[in-house]
Amino acid sequence: MMEKSEKPVFSKEELLHNPESFAAFYDYYRPRVFSFLVSRVHSVADAEDLTAETFEKTLRKLESFREDKAAISTWLFTIANNASIDHFRREKRRSGIDPETLAVTYQTDSMSEADRCRLQVIISRMQLLPESQRVVIALKFLEGFKNPDIAEILGCSGRTLSTRIYRSMKALTRLMASAEDELRVCDE
């Protein structure tokens, strides 16, 4: 569902010493980090704040980033994930977000109206899943991360992640079975 385009490569040295490179890094990853955080915290305003916090911390801690341990995108999303966890610890509350608002963050210009409708139905069903299952599905299928990167972001083993993906998809499949009428409307 995501539009695949050529992913730019950013090196630590380039980001540290070239402000234009960090600006390009920000421009490329900001929408993805924001979408991920909206799916986690269910608030556009909080996601905007956490996105800014994520990039500020990334810039501040860039010196300590080890390119031999992880890709910069994996490190960035680990920071974003940790920011959302810290947010929940601070807030100790959860509020819902309109699935239509969340679906808009993942849409592309090239998506057909039917695909946009289907995405909205899928995301509305995802909102019924536990947080841990939503995160796995969002990272894997909406953000397009590979399993080793997701395991790194979530701080779990590859085996544990495989189990989480399987259980998350099984739960989502059950929820989607009750969405047949909504999906049929998308195709009209």
N, C-alpha and C. Protein backbone atom coordinates (compact mmCIF):
# COMPACT_ATOMS: atom_id res chain seq x y z
N MET A 1 0.81 -1.20 0.00
CA MET A 1 0.00 0.00 0.00
C MET A 1 0.85 1.26 0.00
N MET A 2 2.05 1.10 0.44
CA MET A 2 2.94 2.26 0.45
C MET A 2 3.60 2.40 -0.90
N GLU A 3 3.86 3.64 -1.27
CA GLU A 3 4.57 3.90 -2.51
C GLU A 3 6.06 3.68 -2.26
N LYS A 4 6.65 2.79 -3.01
CA LYS A 4 8.07 2.48 -2.84
C LYS A 4 8.88 3.41 -3.74
N SER A 5 9.82 4.11 -3.14
CA SER A 5 10.70 4.97 -3.92
C SER A 5 12.13 4.73 -3.43
N GLU A 6 13.07 5.27 -4.14
CA GLU A 6 14.48 5.10 -3.79
C GLU A 6 14.75 5.75 -2.44
N LYS A 7 15.29 4.97 -1.52
CA LYS A 7 15.57 5.44 -0.17
C LYS A 7 16.95 6.09 -0.13
N PRO A 8 17.02 7.35 0.30
CA PRO A 8 18.34 8.00 0.38
C PRO A 8 19.18 7.38 1.50
N VAL A 9 20.48 7.48 1.35
CA VAL A 9 21.41 6.95 2.35
C VAL A 9 22.05 8.13 3.07
N PHE A 10 21.99 8.09 4.40
CA PHE A 10 22.57 9.15 5.21
C PHE A 10 23.64 8.55 6.11
N SER A 11 24.82 9.16 6.10
CA SER A 11 25.89 8.69 6.98
C SER A 11 25.94 9.57 8.23
N LYS A 12 26.47 9.01 9.28
CA LYS A 12 26.62 9.73 10.54
C LYS A 12 27.45 11.00 10.34
N GLU A 13 28.58 10.86 9.68
CA GLU A 13 29.48 12.00 9.46
C GLU A 13 28.79 13.11 8.68
N GLU A 14 28.08 12.71 7.65
CA GLU A 14 27.36 13.67 6.81
C GLU A 14 26.33 14.43 7.65
N LEU A 15 25.59 13.71 8.47
CA LEU A 15 24.56 14.34 9.30
C LEU A 15 25.16 15.24 10.38
N LEU A 16 26.31 14.84 10.90
CA LEU A 16 26.96 15.64 11.95
C LEU A 16 27.54 16.94 11.43
N HIS A 17 28.08 16.91 10.22
CA HIS A 17 28.86 18.04 9.73
C HIS A 17 28.21 18.84 8.60
N ASN A 18 27.06 18.41 8.14
CA ASN A 18 26.43 19.10 7.04
C ASN A 18 24.96 19.37 7.38
N PRO A 19 24.63 20.62 7.74
CA PRO A 19 23.25 20.94 8.12
C PRO A 19 22.24 20.63 7.01
N GLU A 20 22.65 20.77 5.75
CA GLU A 20 21.74 20.45 4.65
C GLU A 20 21.41 18.96 4.62
N SER A 21 22.37 18.13 4.98
CA SER A 21 22.12 16.68 5.04
C SER A 21 21.12 16.35 6.14
N PHE A 22 21.28 17.00 7.30
CA PHE A 22 20.32 16.73 8.37
C PHE A 22 18.94 17.24 7.97
N ALA A 23 18.88 18.36 7.27
CA ALA A 23 17.59 18.87 6.80
C ALA A 23 16.94 17.88 5.83
N ALA A 24 17.73 17.30 4.92
CA ALA A 24 17.20 16.30 3.99
C ALA A 24 16.76 15.04 4.74
N PHE A 25 17.54 14.63 5.73
CA PHE A 25 17.19 13.49 6.59
C PHE A 25 15.85 13.75 7.28
N TYR A 26 15.71 14.92 7.84
CA TYR A 26 14.46 15.32 8.50
C TYR A 26 13.30 15.30 7.52
N ASP A 27 13.49 15.92 6.36
CA ASP A 27 12.42 15.98 5.35
C ASP A 27 11.98 14.59 4.90
N TYR A 28 12.94 13.67 4.78
CA TYR A 28 12.63 12.32 4.32
C TYR A 28 11.92 11.51 5.41
N TYR A 29 12.44 11.55 6.63
CA TYR A 29 11.91 10.68 7.69
C TYR A 29 10.80 11.29 8.53
N ARG A 30 10.64 12.60 8.53
CA ARG A 30 9.63 13.22 9.37
C ARG A 30 8.23 12.65 9.13
N PRO A 31 7.75 12.55 7.88
CA PRO A 31 6.39 12.00 7.68
C PRO A 31 6.25 10.57 8.19
N ARG A 32 7.28 9.76 8.03
CA ARG A 32 7.21 8.37 8.49
C ARG A 32 7.21 8.28 10.01
N VAL A 33 8.06 9.07 10.65
CA VAL A 33 8.11 9.08 12.12
C VAL A 33 6.78 9.60 12.66
N PHE A 34 6.27 10.66 12.06
CA PHE A 34 4.99 11.23 12.50
C PHE A 34 3.87 10.20 12.37
N SER A 35 3.78 9.52 11.23
CA SER A 35 2.74 8.50 11.03
C SER A 35 2.86 7.40 12.07
N PHE A 36 4.07 6.96 12.30
CA PHE A 36 4.30 5.92 13.30
C PHE A 36 3.84 6.39 14.67
N LEU A 37 4.19 7.61 15.04
CA LEU A 37 3.82 8.12 16.36
C LEU A 37 2.33 8.37 16.49
N VAL A 38 1.67 8.82 15.42
CA VAL A 38 0.21 8.97 15.47
C VAL A 38 -0.43 7.61 15.75
N SER A 39 0.09 6.57 15.10
CA SER A 39 -0.47 5.23 15.33
C SER A 39 -0.22 4.74 16.75
N ARG A 40 0.79 5.27 17.40
CA ARG A 40 1.11 4.86 18.78
C ARG A 40 0.33 5.67 19.80
N VAL A 41 0.32 7.00 19.67
CA VAL A 41 -0.23 7.84 20.75
C VAL A 41 -1.66 8.30 20.49
N HIS A 42 -2.16 8.09 19.28
CA HIS A 42 -3.56 8.40 18.94
C HIS A 42 -3.93 9.87 19.10
N SER A 43 -2.97 10.73 18.95
CA SER A 43 -3.22 12.16 19.04
C SER A 43 -2.26 12.87 18.09
N VAL A 44 -2.84 13.62 17.16
CA VAL A 44 -2.01 14.33 16.18
C VAL A 44 -1.10 15.34 16.89
N ALA A 45 -1.65 16.08 17.85
CA ALA A 45 -0.85 17.09 18.56
C ALA A 45 0.30 16.44 19.33
N ASP A 46 0.01 15.35 20.03
CA ASP A 46 1.07 14.66 20.77
C ASP A 46 2.10 14.08 19.82
N ALA A 47 1.64 13.54 18.69
CA ALA A 47 2.57 12.97 17.70
C ALA A 47 3.48 14.05 17.13
N GLU A 48 2.94 15.25 16.91
CA GLU A 48 3.78 16.36 16.42
C GLU A 48 4.86 16.69 17.45
N ASP A 49 4.47 16.78 18.71
CA ASP A 49 5.44 17.07 19.78
C ASP A 49 6.50 15.97 19.87
N LEU A 50 6.06 14.72 19.83
CA LEU A 50 7.00 13.60 19.94
C LEU A 50 7.90 13.49 18.72
N THR A 51 7.39 13.86 17.55
CA THR A 51 8.22 13.87 16.34
C THR A 51 9.34 14.89 16.50
N ALA A 52 8.99 16.08 16.96
CA ALA A 52 10.01 17.12 17.19
C ALA A 52 11.01 16.64 18.24
N GLU A 53 10.51 16.04 19.31
CA GLU A 53 11.38 15.51 20.37
C GLU A 53 12.31 14.42 19.83
N THR A 54 11.78 13.56 18.96
CA THR A 54 12.58 12.48 18.37
C THR A 54 13.74 13.04 17.56
N PHE A 55 13.47 14.02 16.71
CA PHE A 55 14.54 14.57 15.87
C PHE A 55 15.52 15.41 16.68
N GLU A 56 15.02 16.08 17.71
CA GLU A 56 15.91 16.85 18.58
C GLU A 56 16.87 15.91 19.30
N LYS A 57 16.33 14.81 19.82
CA LYS A 57 17.17 13.83 20.53
C LYS A 57 18.12 13.14 19.55
N THR A 58 17.66 12.86 18.35
CA THR A 58 18.51 12.25 17.33
C THR A 58 19.71 13.14 17.05
N LEU A 59 19.47 14.42 16.87
CA LEU A 59 20.56 15.36 16.61
C LEU A 59 21.50 15.45 17.81
N ARG A 60 20.93 15.51 19.00
CA ARG A 60 21.72 15.62 20.23
C ARG A 60 22.58 14.38 20.47
N LYS A 61 22.05 13.20 20.16
CA LYS A 61 22.74 11.94 20.44
C LYS A 61 23.45 11.35 19.23
N LEU A 62 23.47 12.06 18.12
CA LEU A 62 24.03 11.53 16.88
C LEU A 62 25.49 11.09 17.04
N GLU A 63 26.22 11.80 17.86
CA GLU A 63 27.63 11.47 18.09
C GLU A 63 27.78 10.04 18.63
N SER A 64 26.80 9.58 19.43
CA SER A 64 26.90 8.25 20.04
C SER A 64 26.34 7.13 19.14
N PHE A 65 25.73 7.49 18.01
CA PHE A 65 25.18 6.48 17.11
C PHE A 65 26.31 5.64 16.51
N ARG A 66 26.10 4.32 16.49
CA ARG A 66 27.10 3.40 15.94
C ARG A 66 26.56 2.78 14.66
N GLU A 67 27.14 3.20 13.54
CA GLU A 67 26.69 2.72 12.22
C GLU A 67 26.91 1.22 12.04
N ASP A 68 27.84 0.66 12.80
CA ASP A 68 28.11 -0.78 12.67
C ASP A 68 27.07 -1.63 13.40
N LYS A 69 26.25 -1.03 14.24
CA LYS A 69 25.25 -1.77 15.02
C LYS A 69 23.87 -1.77 14.38
N ALA A 70 23.49 -0.68 13.71
CA ALA A 70 22.14 -0.58 13.15
C ALA A 70 22.10 0.48 12.07
N ALA A 71 21.09 0.39 11.23
CA ALA A 71 20.86 1.43 10.23
C ALA A 71 20.36 2.68 10.95
N ILE A 72 20.63 3.83 10.39
CA ILE A 72 20.21 5.08 11.03
C ILE A 72 18.69 5.14 11.15
N SER A 73 17.97 4.58 10.17
CA SER A 73 16.50 4.58 10.25
C SER A 73 16.02 3.72 11.42
N THR A 74 16.67 2.60 11.65
CA THR A 74 16.31 1.74 12.78
C THR A 74 16.55 2.47 14.09
N TRP A 75 17.68 3.15 14.20
CA TRP A 75 18.00 3.92 15.40
C TRP A 75 16.98 5.03 15.61
N LEU A 76 16.62 5.74 14.54
CA LEU A 76 15.64 6.82 14.61
C LEU A 76 14.30 6.30 15.12
N PHE A 77 13.83 5.18 14.57
CA PHE A 77 12.54 4.64 15.00
C PHE A 77 12.61 4.05 16.41
N THR A 78 13.77 3.62 16.84
CA THR A 78 13.94 3.19 18.23
C THR A 78 13.76 4.39 19.16
N ILE A 79 14.32 5.51 18.79
CA ILE A 79 14.16 6.75 19.56
C ILE A 79 12.69 7.15 19.58
N ALA A 80 12.02 7.08 18.42
CA ALA A 80 10.59 7.43 18.35
C ALA A 80 9.75 6.49 19.21
N ASN A 81 10.04 5.20 19.13
CA ASN A 81 9.29 4.22 19.94
C ASN A 81 9.49 4.50 21.42
N ASN A 82 10.73 4.77 21.82
CA ASN A 82 11.01 5.09 23.23
C ASN A 82 10.32 6.38 23.66
N ALA A 83 10.25 7.35 22.76
CA ALA A 83 9.55 8.60 23.07
C ALA A 83 8.07 8.34 23.33
N SER A 84 7.47 7.44 22.54
CA SER A 84 6.05 7.13 22.75
C SER A 84 5.85 6.38 24.07
N ILE A 85 6.77 5.51 24.42
CA ILE A 85 6.69 4.80 25.71
C ILE A 85 6.79 5.80 26.86
N ASP A 86 7.75 6.72 26.75
CA ASP A 86 7.90 7.75 27.78
C ASP A 86 6.64 8.61 27.87
N HIS A 87 6.03 8.89 26.72
CA HIS A 87 4.80 9.68 26.68
C HIS A 87 3.71 8.98 27.50
N PHE A 88 3.54 7.67 27.28
CA PHE A 88 2.52 6.94 28.02
C PHE A 88 2.82 6.90 29.51
N ARG A 89 4.08 6.81 29.84
CA ARG A 89 4.44 6.82 31.26
C ARG A 89 4.08 8.17 31.89
N ARG A 90 4.32 9.24 31.14
CA ARG A 90 4.00 10.59 31.65
C ARG A 90 2.50 10.81 31.71
N GLU A 91 1.81 10.42 30.68
CA GLU A 91 0.39 10.73 30.55
C GLU A 91 -0.52 9.75 31.30
N LYS A 92 -0.14 8.47 31.31
CA LYS A 92 -0.96 7.44 31.96
C LYS A 92 -2.41 7.49 31.48
N ARG A 93 -2.62 7.75 30.21
CA ARG A 93 -3.97 7.76 29.67
C ARG A 93 -3.93 7.32 28.21
N ARG A 94 -5.07 6.92 27.71
CA ARG A 94 -5.20 6.58 26.29
C ARG A 94 -6.48 7.21 25.78
N SER A 95 -6.40 7.74 24.59
CA SER A 95 -7.61 8.27 23.97
C SER A 95 -7.64 7.78 22.54
N GLY A 96 -8.83 7.66 22.00
CA GLY A 96 -8.98 7.16 20.63
C GLY A 96 -8.72 8.25 19.62
N ILE A 97 -8.46 7.83 18.41
CA ILE A 97 -8.31 8.76 17.30
C ILE A 97 -9.18 8.24 16.17
N ASP A 98 -9.74 9.13 15.44
CA ASP A 98 -10.57 8.77 14.31
C ASP A 98 -9.73 8.00 13.30
N PRO A 99 -10.14 6.78 12.93
CA PRO A 99 -9.36 5.99 11.97
C PRO A 99 -9.16 6.72 10.64
N GLU A 100 -10.11 7.57 10.25
CA GLU A 100 -9.96 8.32 9.01
C GLU A 100 -8.76 9.25 9.10
N THR A 101 -8.57 9.90 10.24
CA THR A 101 -7.42 10.78 10.45
C THR A 101 -6.13 10.00 10.37
N LEU A 102 -6.08 8.84 11.00
CA LEU A 102 -4.90 8.00 10.97
C LEU A 102 -4.62 7.48 9.57
N ALA A 103 -5.65 7.08 8.84
CA ALA A 103 -5.48 6.55 7.48
C ALA A 103 -4.87 7.61 6.57
N VAL A 104 -5.23 8.87 6.76
CA VAL A 104 -4.70 9.95 5.92
C VAL A 104 -3.19 10.03 6.03
N THR A 105 -2.63 9.71 7.20
CA THR A 105 -1.18 9.81 7.37
C THR A 105 -0.43 8.78 6.55
N TYR A 106 -1.09 7.69 6.14
CA TYR A 106 -0.44 6.64 5.36
C TYR A 106 -0.81 6.66 3.89
N GLN A 107 -1.67 7.56 3.47
CA GLN A 107 -2.11 7.60 2.08
C GLN A 107 -1.06 8.26 1.19
N THR A 108 -1.07 7.84 -0.07
CA THR A 108 -0.22 8.48 -1.06
C THR A 108 -1.10 9.04 -2.16
N ASP A 109 -0.56 9.97 -2.92
CA ASP A 109 -1.32 10.58 -4.01
C ASP A 109 -1.74 9.57 -5.07
N SER A 110 -0.94 8.52 -5.24
CA SER A 110 -1.22 7.55 -6.30
C SER A 110 -2.26 6.50 -5.90
N MET A 111 -2.74 6.53 -4.66
CA MET A 111 -3.72 5.54 -4.22
C MET A 111 -5.08 5.84 -4.84
N SER A 112 -5.76 4.78 -5.26
CA SER A 112 -7.11 4.94 -5.77
C SER A 112 -8.05 5.20 -4.60
N GLU A 113 -9.23 5.68 -4.91
CA GLU A 113 -10.23 5.94 -3.87
C GLU A 113 -10.59 4.63 -3.15
N ALA A 114 -10.67 3.53 -3.90
CA ALA A 114 -10.99 2.23 -3.29
C ALA A 114 -9.88 1.80 -2.32
N ASP A 115 -8.61 2.02 -2.71
CA ASP A 115 -7.50 1.68 -1.82
C ASP A 115 -7.50 2.54 -0.55
N ARG A 116 -7.83 3.81 -0.71
CA ARG A 116 -7.92 4.70 0.46
C ARG A 116 -9.01 4.21 1.41
N CYS A 117 -10.13 3.81 0.83
CA CYS A 117 -11.25 3.29 1.62
C CYS A 117 -10.84 2.02 2.36
N ARG A 118 -10.18 1.10 1.64
CA ARG A 118 -9.73 -0.16 2.25
C ARG A 118 -8.75 0.11 3.40
N LEU A 119 -7.82 1.04 3.17
CA LEU A 119 -6.85 1.40 4.20
C LEU A 119 -7.55 1.91 5.45
N GLN A 120 -8.56 2.73 5.25
CA GLN A 120 -9.31 3.26 6.39
C GLN A 120 -10.01 2.13 7.15
N VAL A 121 -10.58 1.17 6.43
CA VAL A 121 -11.24 0.03 7.09
C VAL A 121 -10.21 -0.79 7.88
N ILE A 122 -9.06 -1.05 7.26
CA ILE A 122 -8.02 -1.83 7.93
C ILE A 122 -7.55 -1.12 9.20
N ILE A 123 -7.31 0.18 9.10
CA ILE A 123 -6.83 0.93 10.26
C ILE A 123 -7.91 0.99 11.34
N SER A 124 -9.18 1.10 10.94
CA SER A 124 -10.24 1.10 11.96
C SER A 124 -10.27 -0.22 12.71
N ARG A 125 -10.01 -1.31 12.01
CA ARG A 125 -9.95 -2.63 12.67
C ARG A 125 -8.67 -2.75 13.50
N MET A 126 -7.58 -2.19 13.02
CA MET A 126 -6.32 -2.22 13.79
C MET A 126 -6.49 -1.55 15.14
N GLN A 127 -7.33 -0.51 15.20
CA GLN A 127 -7.53 0.21 16.46
C GLN A 127 -8.15 -0.67 17.53
N LEU A 128 -8.75 -1.79 17.12
CA LEU A 128 -9.35 -2.72 18.07
C LEU A 128 -8.33 -3.70 18.66
N LEU A 129 -7.15 -3.73 18.07
CA LEU A 129 -6.09 -4.63 18.54
C LEU A 129 -5.38 -4.03 19.75
N PRO A 130 -4.75 -4.88 20.56
CA PRO A 130 -3.90 -4.34 21.64
C PRO A 130 -2.75 -3.52 21.05
N GLU A 131 -2.27 -2.58 21.81
CA GLU A 131 -1.20 -1.68 21.37
C GLU A 131 -0.01 -2.43 20.79
N SER A 132 0.43 -3.49 21.45
CA SER A 132 1.61 -4.23 20.99
C SER A 132 1.40 -4.82 19.60
N GLN A 133 0.19 -5.28 19.30
CA GLN A 133 -0.10 -5.84 17.98
C GLN A 133 -0.20 -4.74 16.93
N ARG A 134 -0.78 -3.59 17.29
CA ARG A 134 -0.86 -2.46 16.35
C ARG A 134 0.53 -2.00 15.94
N VAL A 135 1.45 -1.93 16.90
CA VAL A 135 2.80 -1.45 16.62
C VAL A 135 3.50 -2.39 15.64
N VAL A 136 3.40 -3.69 15.87
CA VAL A 136 4.04 -4.67 14.99
C VAL A 136 3.51 -4.53 13.56
N ILE A 137 2.20 -4.44 13.42
CA ILE A 137 1.60 -4.33 12.08
C ILE A 137 1.99 -3.01 11.43
N ALA A 138 1.98 -1.92 12.19
CA ALA A 138 2.34 -0.61 11.62
C ALA A 138 3.78 -0.61 11.13
N LEU A 139 4.71 -1.12 11.93
CA LEU A 139 6.12 -1.13 11.53
C LEU A 139 6.34 -2.04 10.32
N LYS A 140 5.71 -3.20 10.31
CA LYS A 140 5.94 -4.19 9.24
C LYS A 140 5.25 -3.78 7.94
N PHE A 141 3.97 -3.47 8.01
CA PHE A 141 3.20 -3.31 6.78
C PHE A 141 2.93 -1.87 6.37
N LEU A 142 2.85 -0.96 7.31
CA LEU A 142 2.61 0.44 6.95
C LEU A 142 3.92 1.19 6.77
N GLU A 143 4.90 0.92 7.63
CA GLU A 143 6.19 1.59 7.52
C GLU A 143 7.19 0.83 6.67
N GLY A 144 6.96 -0.48 6.46
CA GLY A 144 7.80 -1.27 5.56
C GLY A 144 9.14 -1.72 6.12
N PHE A 145 9.28 -1.78 7.43
CA PHE A 145 10.53 -2.24 8.02
C PHE A 145 10.69 -3.74 7.86
N LYS A 146 11.93 -4.19 7.78
CA LYS A 146 12.24 -5.62 7.74
C LYS A 146 12.28 -6.15 9.17
N ASN A 147 12.08 -7.46 9.31
CA ASN A 147 11.98 -8.07 10.64
C ASN A 147 13.16 -7.77 11.57
N PRO A 148 14.42 -7.87 11.11
CA PRO A 148 15.52 -7.57 12.04
C PRO A 148 15.47 -6.13 12.57
N ASP A 149 15.04 -5.20 11.72
CA ASP A 149 14.94 -3.81 12.16
C ASP A 149 13.80 -3.63 13.17
N ILE A 150 12.68 -4.32 12.93
CA ILE A 150 11.56 -4.23 13.87
C ILE A 150 11.97 -4.82 15.22
N ALA A 151 12.65 -5.95 15.19
CA ALA A 151 13.11 -6.57 16.44
C ALA A 151 14.03 -5.61 17.20
N GLU A 152 14.90 -4.93 16.48
CA GLU A 152 15.80 -3.95 17.10
C GLU A 152 15.01 -2.80 17.71
N ILE A 153 14.04 -2.27 16.97
CA ILE A 153 13.22 -1.15 17.45
C ILE A 153 12.47 -1.54 18.72
N LEU A 154 11.90 -2.75 18.71
CA LEU A 154 11.08 -3.19 19.84
C LEU A 154 11.88 -3.85 20.95
N GLY A 155 13.16 -4.10 20.68
CA GLY A 155 14.01 -4.71 21.70
C GLY A 155 13.65 -6.16 22.00
N CYS A 156 13.36 -6.93 20.95
CA CYS A 156 13.03 -8.34 21.15
C CYS A 156 13.82 -9.19 20.16
N SER A 157 13.79 -10.50 20.36
CA SER A 157 14.50 -11.41 19.45
C SER A 157 13.71 -11.59 18.16
N GLY A 158 14.38 -12.09 17.14
CA GLY A 158 13.72 -12.37 15.87
C GLY A 158 12.61 -13.39 16.02
N ARG A 159 12.83 -14.40 16.85
CA ARG A 159 11.81 -15.43 17.10
C ARG A 159 10.58 -14.84 17.77
N THR A 160 10.83 -14.01 18.77
CA THR A 160 9.71 -13.36 19.47
C THR A 160 8.93 -12.49 18.50
N LEU A 161 9.66 -11.76 17.65
CA LEU A 161 8.99 -10.91 16.68
C LEU A 161 8.14 -11.74 15.72
N SER A 162 8.67 -12.85 15.22
CA SER A 162 7.91 -13.71 14.31
C SER A 162 6.60 -14.16 14.95
N THR A 163 6.67 -14.51 16.22
CA THR A 163 5.46 -14.91 16.94
C THR A 163 4.49 -13.74 17.05
N ARG A 164 5.02 -12.56 17.35
CA ARG A 164 4.16 -11.37 17.47
C ARG A 164 3.49 -11.03 16.13
N ILE A 165 4.25 -11.13 15.04
CA ILE A 165 3.67 -10.85 13.72
C ILE A 165 2.56 -11.85 13.43
N TYR A 166 2.83 -13.13 13.66
CA TYR A 166 1.84 -14.17 13.40
C TYR A 166 0.56 -13.91 14.20
N ARG A 167 0.71 -13.67 15.49
CA ARG A 167 -0.46 -13.45 16.35
C ARG A 167 -1.20 -12.17 15.98
N SER A 168 -0.45 -11.14 15.64
CA SER A 168 -1.07 -9.87 15.25
C SER A 168 -1.87 -10.02 13.97
N MET A 169 -1.29 -10.70 12.99
CA MET A 169 -1.99 -10.89 11.72
C MET A 169 -3.20 -11.81 11.88
N LYS A 170 -3.08 -12.81 12.72
CA LYS A 170 -4.21 -13.71 12.98
C LYS A 170 -5.36 -12.93 13.61
N ALA A 171 -5.04 -12.07 14.58
CA ALA A 171 -6.06 -11.26 15.24
C ALA A 171 -6.68 -10.26 14.26
N LEU A 172 -5.86 -9.63 13.43
CA LEU A 172 -6.38 -8.68 12.45
C LEU A 172 -7.25 -9.39 11.42
N THR A 173 -6.85 -10.57 10.99
CA THR A 173 -7.63 -11.34 10.03
C THR A 173 -9.02 -11.65 10.60
N ARG A 174 -9.07 -12.03 11.86
CA ARG A 174 -10.37 -12.28 12.51
C ARG A 174 -11.23 -11.02 12.50
N LEU A 175 -10.62 -9.89 12.82
CA LEU A 175 -11.36 -8.63 12.83
C LEU A 175 -11.81 -8.22 11.43
N MET A 176 -10.98 -8.50 10.44
CA MET A 176 -11.32 -8.13 9.06
C MET A 176 -12.48 -8.97 8.52
N ALA A 177 -12.66 -10.17 9.04
CA ALA A 177 -13.76 -11.02 8.60
C ALA A 177 -15.10 -10.35 8.85
N SER A 178 -15.17 -9.54 9.88
CA SER A 178 -16.43 -8.84 10.18
C SER A 178 -16.55 -7.52 9.41
N ALA A 179 -15.59 -7.24 8.54
CA ALA A 179 -15.60 -5.97 7.80
C ALA A 179 -15.98 -6.16 6.33
N GLU A 180 -16.53 -7.33 5.98
CA GLU A 180 -16.84 -7.61 4.58
C GLU A 180 -17.75 -6.56 3.95
N ASP A 181 -18.79 -6.15 4.67
CA ASP A 181 -19.72 -5.16 4.12
C ASP A 181 -19.03 -3.83 3.88
N GLU A 182 -18.18 -3.41 4.82
CA GLU A 182 -17.45 -2.15 4.66
C GLU A 182 -16.50 -2.22 3.46
N LEU A 183 -15.84 -3.35 3.29
CA LEU A 183 -14.92 -3.51 2.16
C LEU A 183 -15.67 -3.56 0.84
N ARG A 184 -16.86 -4.14 0.84
CA ARG A 184 -17.68 -4.18 -0.38
C ARG A 184 -18.04 -2.76 -0.83
N VAL A 185 -18.34 -1.90 0.14
CA VAL A 185 -18.66 -0.50 -0.16
C VAL A 185 -17.48 0.18 -0.85
N CYS A 186 -16.26 -0.18 -0.44
CA CYS A 186 -15.06 0.42 -1.03
C CYS A 186 -14.95 0.10 -2.52
N ASP A 187 -15.44 -1.06 -2.92
CA ASP A 187 -15.32 -1.49 -4.31
C ASP A 187 -16.44 -0.98 -5.21
N GLU A 188 -17.43 -0.31 -4.63
CA GLU A 188 -18.56 0.18 -5.45
C GLU A 188 -18.22 1.47 -6.15
